[in-house]
């Protein structure tokens, strides 16, 4: 079995394009009236427009699906993304291995170093 794509829900196409393309640096593959498709290593991230998105809440209790972006250095990437204005849920990377953040629509993501 192979992962084909991951879908998240958004309510503002402009804000989603800015966040995922400009801040996170993902390549935009397709843009339609109600969705954006971004390239990920080996699959695609689809941002699908809907009227209501999740409010930012308690990450540990409310996050149902978390996208984890593997990075070489969590501390360096944390610093770079924080400087770009990304809102992290912790004041510093947890255990030095991962850090959680949210997109403008309440979707929880993490940056993490490889466990291998």
N, C-alpha and C. Protein backbone atom coordinates (compact mmCIF):
# COMPACT_ATOMS: atom_id res chain seq x y z
N UNK A 1 0.85 -1.17 0.00
CA UNK A 1 0.00 0.00 0.00
C UNK A 1 0.90 1.23 0.00
N UNK A 2 0.48 2.25 -0.74
CA UNK A 2 1.25 3.49 -0.85
C UNK A 2 0.33 4.67 -0.55
N UNK A 3 0.83 5.61 0.21
CA UNK A 3 0.08 6.83 0.51
C UNK A 3 0.03 7.69 -0.74
N UNK A 4 -1.18 8.03 -1.18
CA UNK A 4 -1.35 8.81 -2.40
C UNK A 4 -1.38 10.31 -2.15
N UNK A 5 -2.21 10.72 -1.20
CA UNK A 5 -2.28 12.14 -0.85
C UNK A 5 -2.85 12.29 0.56
N UNK A 6 -2.67 13.48 1.08
CA UNK A 6 -3.19 13.86 2.39
C UNK A 6 -4.09 15.06 2.15
N UNK A 7 -5.28 15.07 2.74
CA UNK A 7 -6.19 16.19 2.56
C UNK A 7 -6.39 16.92 3.88
N UNK A 8 -6.29 18.24 3.80
CA UNK A 8 -6.60 19.09 4.94
C UNK A 8 -7.69 20.05 4.50
N UNK A 9 -8.37 20.63 5.47
CA UNK A 9 -9.47 21.54 5.15
C UNK A 9 -9.09 22.97 5.50
N UNK A 10 -9.43 23.87 4.59
CA UNK A 10 -9.11 25.29 4.71
C UNK A 10 -10.36 26.09 4.38
N UNK A 11 -10.35 27.39 4.69
CA UNK A 11 -11.48 28.22 4.28
C UNK A 11 -11.04 29.49 3.56
N UNK A 12 -9.74 29.59 3.25
CA UNK A 12 -9.22 30.78 2.58
C UNK A 12 -8.07 30.33 1.67
N UNK A 13 -8.32 30.35 0.37
CA UNK A 13 -7.32 29.88 -0.60
C UNK A 13 -6.05 30.74 -0.59
N UNK A 14 -6.21 32.04 -0.50
CA UNK A 14 -5.05 32.94 -0.50
C UNK A 14 -4.17 32.69 0.71
N UNK A 15 -4.78 32.57 1.86
CA UNK A 15 -4.03 32.33 3.09
C UNK A 15 -3.34 30.96 3.05
N UNK A 16 -4.02 29.96 2.50
CA UNK A 16 -3.44 28.62 2.40
C UNK A 16 -2.25 28.62 1.44
N UNK A 17 -2.40 29.29 0.30
CA UNK A 17 -1.29 29.38 -0.66
C UNK A 17 -0.08 30.04 -0.01
N UNK A 18 -0.32 31.13 0.70
CA UNK A 18 0.75 31.84 1.39
C UNK A 18 1.42 30.95 2.44
N UNK A 19 0.64 30.28 3.26
CA UNK A 19 1.20 29.48 4.35
C UNK A 19 2.00 28.30 3.82
N UNK A 20 1.40 27.51 2.95
CA UNK A 20 2.05 26.27 2.51
C UNK A 20 3.13 26.51 1.45
N UNK A 21 2.93 27.48 0.59
CA UNK A 21 3.92 27.74 -0.46
C UNK A 21 5.01 28.70 0.00
N UNK A 22 4.61 29.85 0.51
CA UNK A 22 5.59 30.86 0.90
C UNK A 22 6.30 30.53 2.20
N UNK A 23 5.55 30.18 3.24
CA UNK A 23 6.19 29.92 4.54
C UNK A 23 6.85 28.56 4.62
N UNK A 24 6.14 27.50 4.22
CA UNK A 24 6.70 26.16 4.32
C UNK A 24 7.52 25.76 3.10
N UNK A 25 7.37 26.48 2.00
CA UNK A 25 8.18 26.21 0.82
C UNK A 25 7.73 25.04 -0.04
N UNK A 26 6.46 24.63 0.08
CA UNK A 26 5.97 23.53 -0.74
C UNK A 26 5.64 24.02 -2.15
N UNK A 27 5.94 23.20 -3.14
CA UNK A 27 5.65 23.54 -4.53
C UNK A 27 4.17 23.34 -4.82
N UNK A 28 3.53 24.33 -5.43
CA UNK A 28 2.12 24.22 -5.83
C UNK A 28 2.05 23.48 -7.15
N UNK A 29 1.34 22.36 -7.17
CA UNK A 29 1.18 21.57 -8.38
C UNK A 29 -0.07 21.93 -9.16
N UNK A 30 -1.13 22.31 -8.44
CA UNK A 30 -2.41 22.58 -9.08
C UNK A 30 -3.20 23.54 -8.21
N UNK A 31 -3.89 24.46 -8.86
CA UNK A 31 -4.78 25.36 -8.14
C UNK A 31 -6.11 25.40 -8.88
N UNK A 32 -7.18 25.06 -8.17
CA UNK A 32 -8.52 25.11 -8.72
C UNK A 32 -9.38 25.98 -7.81
N UNK A 33 -10.63 26.15 -8.17
CA UNK A 33 -11.52 27.02 -7.41
C UNK A 33 -11.63 26.63 -5.94
N UNK A 34 -11.63 25.33 -5.65
CA UNK A 34 -11.85 24.90 -4.27
C UNK A 34 -10.73 24.03 -3.70
N UNK A 35 -9.58 23.97 -4.39
CA UNK A 35 -8.48 23.19 -3.82
C UNK A 35 -7.13 23.62 -4.35
N UNK A 36 -6.13 23.39 -3.53
CA UNK A 36 -4.73 23.59 -3.87
C UNK A 36 -4.04 22.25 -3.68
N UNK A 37 -3.15 21.90 -4.59
CA UNK A 37 -2.40 20.66 -4.47
C UNK A 37 -0.92 21.01 -4.39
N UNK A 38 -0.28 20.53 -3.33
CA UNK A 38 1.14 20.80 -3.10
C UNK A 38 1.93 19.50 -3.19
N UNK A 39 3.17 19.61 -3.64
CA UNK A 39 4.05 18.44 -3.74
C UNK A 39 4.67 18.15 -2.38
N UNK A 40 4.61 16.88 -2.00
CA UNK A 40 5.34 16.37 -0.84
C UNK A 40 6.23 15.25 -1.36
N UNK A 41 7.20 14.87 -0.60
CA UNK A 41 8.09 13.80 -1.01
C UNK A 41 7.31 12.48 -1.07
N UNK A 42 6.99 12.04 -2.28
CA UNK A 42 6.31 10.76 -2.44
C UNK A 42 4.80 10.81 -2.45
N UNK A 43 4.19 11.95 -2.15
CA UNK A 43 2.73 12.07 -2.20
C UNK A 43 2.35 13.53 -2.38
N UNK A 44 1.09 13.84 -2.21
CA UNK A 44 0.61 15.21 -2.37
C UNK A 44 -0.19 15.64 -1.15
N UNK A 45 -0.15 16.93 -0.89
CA UNK A 45 -0.98 17.55 0.15
C UNK A 45 -2.06 18.33 -0.57
N UNK A 46 -3.32 18.00 -0.31
CA UNK A 46 -4.44 18.70 -0.93
C UNK A 46 -5.11 19.55 0.13
N UNK A 47 -5.17 20.85 -0.12
CA UNK A 47 -5.87 21.79 0.75
C UNK A 47 -7.23 22.04 0.10
N UNK A 48 -8.29 21.52 0.73
CA UNK A 48 -9.63 21.57 0.17
C UNK A 48 -10.44 22.64 0.88
N UNK A 49 -11.05 23.52 0.11
CA UNK A 49 -11.80 24.63 0.69
C UNK A 49 -13.17 24.17 1.19
N UNK A 50 -13.47 24.55 2.44
CA UNK A 50 -14.79 24.30 3.03
C UNK A 50 -15.17 25.54 3.84
N UNK A 51 -16.40 25.62 4.24
CA UNK A 51 -16.88 26.81 4.95
C UNK A 51 -16.34 26.92 6.37
N UNK A 52 -16.29 25.81 7.09
CA UNK A 52 -15.90 25.85 8.49
C UNK A 52 -14.66 24.99 8.70
N UNK A 53 -13.70 25.54 9.42
CA UNK A 53 -12.50 24.78 9.74
C UNK A 53 -12.40 24.65 11.25
N UNK A 54 -11.48 23.84 11.70
CA UNK A 54 -11.31 23.56 13.13
C UNK A 54 -10.71 24.76 13.85
N UNK A 55 -11.21 25.04 15.02
CA UNK A 55 -10.62 26.07 15.87
C UNK A 55 -9.36 25.52 16.51
N UNK A 56 -8.41 26.39 16.75
CA UNK A 56 -7.19 25.96 17.42
C UNK A 56 -7.52 25.68 18.88
N UNK A 57 -7.25 24.47 19.32
CA UNK A 57 -7.58 24.07 20.68
C UNK A 57 -6.43 23.37 21.35
N UNK A 58 -6.76 22.43 22.19
CA UNK A 58 -5.76 21.66 22.93
C UNK A 58 -5.17 20.60 22.02
N UNK A 59 -3.95 20.80 21.60
CA UNK A 59 -3.29 19.93 20.64
C UNK A 59 -3.27 18.48 21.08
N UNK A 60 -2.87 18.22 22.31
CA UNK A 60 -2.71 16.84 22.75
C UNK A 60 -4.03 16.09 22.84
N UNK A 61 -5.12 16.78 23.07
CA UNK A 61 -6.42 16.12 23.22
C UNK A 61 -7.30 16.22 21.99
N UNK A 62 -7.10 17.24 21.16
CA UNK A 62 -8.02 17.47 20.06
C UNK A 62 -7.48 17.15 18.68
N UNK A 63 -6.18 17.05 18.53
CA UNK A 63 -5.61 16.76 17.21
C UNK A 63 -5.94 15.32 16.83
N UNK A 64 -6.60 15.14 15.74
CA UNK A 64 -6.95 13.79 15.29
C UNK A 64 -5.94 13.27 14.28
N UNK A 65 -5.51 14.13 13.40
CA UNK A 65 -4.51 13.79 12.41
C UNK A 65 -3.43 14.86 12.45
N UNK A 66 -2.20 14.44 12.48
CA UNK A 66 -1.08 15.38 12.54
C UNK A 66 -0.15 15.07 11.38
N UNK A 67 0.15 16.06 10.55
CA UNK A 67 1.15 15.90 9.50
C UNK A 67 2.51 16.16 10.12
N UNK A 68 3.44 15.26 9.90
CA UNK A 68 4.78 15.41 10.45
C UNK A 68 5.75 15.57 9.29
N UNK A 69 6.43 16.72 9.25
CA UNK A 69 7.43 17.00 8.23
C UNK A 69 8.79 16.64 8.79
N UNK A 70 9.49 15.71 8.14
CA UNK A 70 10.81 15.29 8.60
C UNK A 70 11.85 16.33 8.17
N UNK A 71 12.65 16.76 9.13
CA UNK A 71 13.69 17.76 8.88
C UNK A 71 15.02 17.26 9.43
N UNK A 72 16.11 17.85 8.97
CA UNK A 72 17.44 17.46 9.45
C UNK A 72 17.65 17.94 10.87
N UNK A 73 17.28 19.19 11.15
CA UNK A 73 17.46 19.77 12.48
C UNK A 73 16.18 20.45 12.93
N UNK A 74 15.56 19.92 13.95
CA UNK A 74 14.33 20.53 14.47
C UNK A 74 14.62 21.93 15.01
N UNK A 75 15.70 22.07 15.75
CA UNK A 75 16.01 23.38 16.34
C UNK A 75 16.22 24.45 15.28
N UNK A 76 16.96 24.14 14.21
CA UNK A 76 17.20 25.11 13.15
C UNK A 76 15.92 25.43 12.39
N UNK A 77 15.15 24.40 12.04
CA UNK A 77 13.90 24.61 11.30
C UNK A 77 12.90 25.36 12.17
N UNK A 78 12.83 25.04 13.45
CA UNK A 78 11.96 25.74 14.40
C UNK A 78 12.28 27.24 14.36
N UNK A 79 13.56 27.55 14.46
CA UNK A 79 14.00 28.95 14.47
C UNK A 79 13.60 29.65 13.16
N UNK A 80 13.85 29.00 12.03
CA UNK A 80 13.53 29.59 10.73
C UNK A 80 12.03 29.81 10.55
N UNK A 81 11.22 28.84 10.93
CA UNK A 81 9.77 28.97 10.77
C UNK A 81 9.20 29.99 11.75
N UNK A 82 9.73 30.02 12.96
CA UNK A 82 9.29 31.00 13.97
C UNK A 82 9.55 32.42 13.46
N UNK A 83 10.72 32.62 12.84
CA UNK A 83 11.06 33.94 12.28
C UNK A 83 10.10 34.34 11.16
N UNK A 84 9.53 33.36 10.47
CA UNK A 84 8.56 33.63 9.41
C UNK A 84 7.16 33.88 9.97
N UNK A 85 6.98 33.70 11.28
CA UNK A 85 5.70 33.97 11.91
C UNK A 85 4.82 32.77 12.15
N UNK A 86 5.35 31.57 11.98
CA UNK A 86 4.55 30.38 12.23
C UNK A 86 4.32 30.23 13.73
N UNK A 87 3.08 29.92 14.10
CA UNK A 87 2.68 29.80 15.50
C UNK A 87 2.92 28.38 16.00
N UNK A 88 3.91 28.22 16.87
CA UNK A 88 4.19 26.91 17.47
C UNK A 88 3.39 26.74 18.75
N UNK A 89 3.12 25.51 19.10
CA UNK A 89 2.33 25.21 20.29
C UNK A 89 3.20 25.01 21.53
N UNK A 90 4.51 25.03 21.35
CA UNK A 90 5.45 24.91 22.46
C UNK A 90 6.44 26.07 22.36
N UNK A 91 7.00 26.47 23.51
CA UNK A 91 7.98 27.55 23.51
C UNK A 91 9.31 27.13 22.91
N UNK A 92 9.57 25.83 22.88
CA UNK A 92 10.79 25.30 22.28
C UNK A 92 10.50 23.87 21.85
N UNK A 93 11.33 23.31 20.97
CA UNK A 93 11.10 21.92 20.55
C UNK A 93 11.06 20.97 21.75
N UNK A 94 10.10 20.04 21.73
CA UNK A 94 9.93 19.07 22.81
C UNK A 94 10.99 18.00 22.71
N UNK A 95 11.71 17.80 23.79
CA UNK A 95 12.78 16.81 23.85
C UNK A 95 13.80 17.00 22.73
N UNK A 96 13.81 18.17 22.10
CA UNK A 96 14.74 18.45 21.02
C UNK A 96 14.48 17.68 19.74
N UNK A 97 13.42 16.87 19.71
CA UNK A 97 13.18 16.00 18.55
C UNK A 97 11.99 16.42 17.69
N UNK A 98 11.04 17.14 18.26
CA UNK A 98 9.90 17.57 17.45
C UNK A 98 9.29 18.85 18.02
N UNK A 99 8.52 19.52 17.17
CA UNK A 99 7.82 20.74 17.58
C UNK A 99 6.52 20.81 16.80
N UNK A 100 5.43 21.11 17.49
CA UNK A 100 4.11 21.18 16.87
C UNK A 100 3.75 22.62 16.56
N UNK A 101 3.07 22.81 15.42
CA UNK A 101 2.58 24.12 15.03
C UNK A 101 1.23 23.96 14.35
N UNK A 102 0.55 25.06 14.16
CA UNK A 102 -0.76 25.03 13.50
C UNK A 102 -0.74 25.91 12.27
N UNK A 103 -1.57 25.55 11.30
CA UNK A 103 -1.74 26.41 10.14
C UNK A 103 -2.84 27.42 10.48
N UNK A 104 -3.13 28.36 9.61
CA UNK A 104 -4.15 29.36 9.90
C UNK A 104 -5.56 28.80 10.08
N UNK A 105 -5.75 27.50 9.81
CA UNK A 105 -7.08 26.90 9.85
C UNK A 105 -7.25 25.92 11.01
N UNK A 106 -6.24 25.84 11.88
CA UNK A 106 -6.32 24.96 13.04
C UNK A 106 -5.78 23.56 12.82
N UNK A 107 -5.26 23.26 11.62
CA UNK A 107 -4.67 21.95 11.36
C UNK A 107 -3.32 21.87 12.06
N UNK A 108 -3.09 20.79 12.79
CA UNK A 108 -1.85 20.61 13.54
C UNK A 108 -0.82 19.88 12.68
N UNK A 109 0.39 20.42 12.68
CA UNK A 109 1.52 19.81 11.98
C UNK A 109 2.70 19.77 12.94
N UNK A 110 3.68 18.96 12.62
CA UNK A 110 4.91 18.91 13.41
C UNK A 110 6.11 18.90 12.47
N UNK A 111 7.23 19.35 13.01
CA UNK A 111 8.51 19.10 12.39
C UNK A 111 9.21 18.12 13.31
N UNK A 112 9.90 17.15 12.73
CA UNK A 112 10.55 16.12 13.56
C UNK A 112 11.80 15.62 12.87
N UNK A 113 12.75 15.22 13.68
CA UNK A 113 13.94 14.58 13.15
C UNK A 113 13.64 13.11 12.96
N UNK A 114 14.36 12.48 12.07
CA UNK A 114 14.16 11.07 11.78
C UNK A 114 14.36 10.22 13.03
N UNK A 115 13.51 9.23 13.20
CA UNK A 115 13.64 8.33 14.34
C UNK A 115 14.60 7.19 14.03
N UNK A 116 15.00 7.08 12.77
CA UNK A 116 15.87 6.00 12.34
C UNK A 116 17.27 6.33 12.58
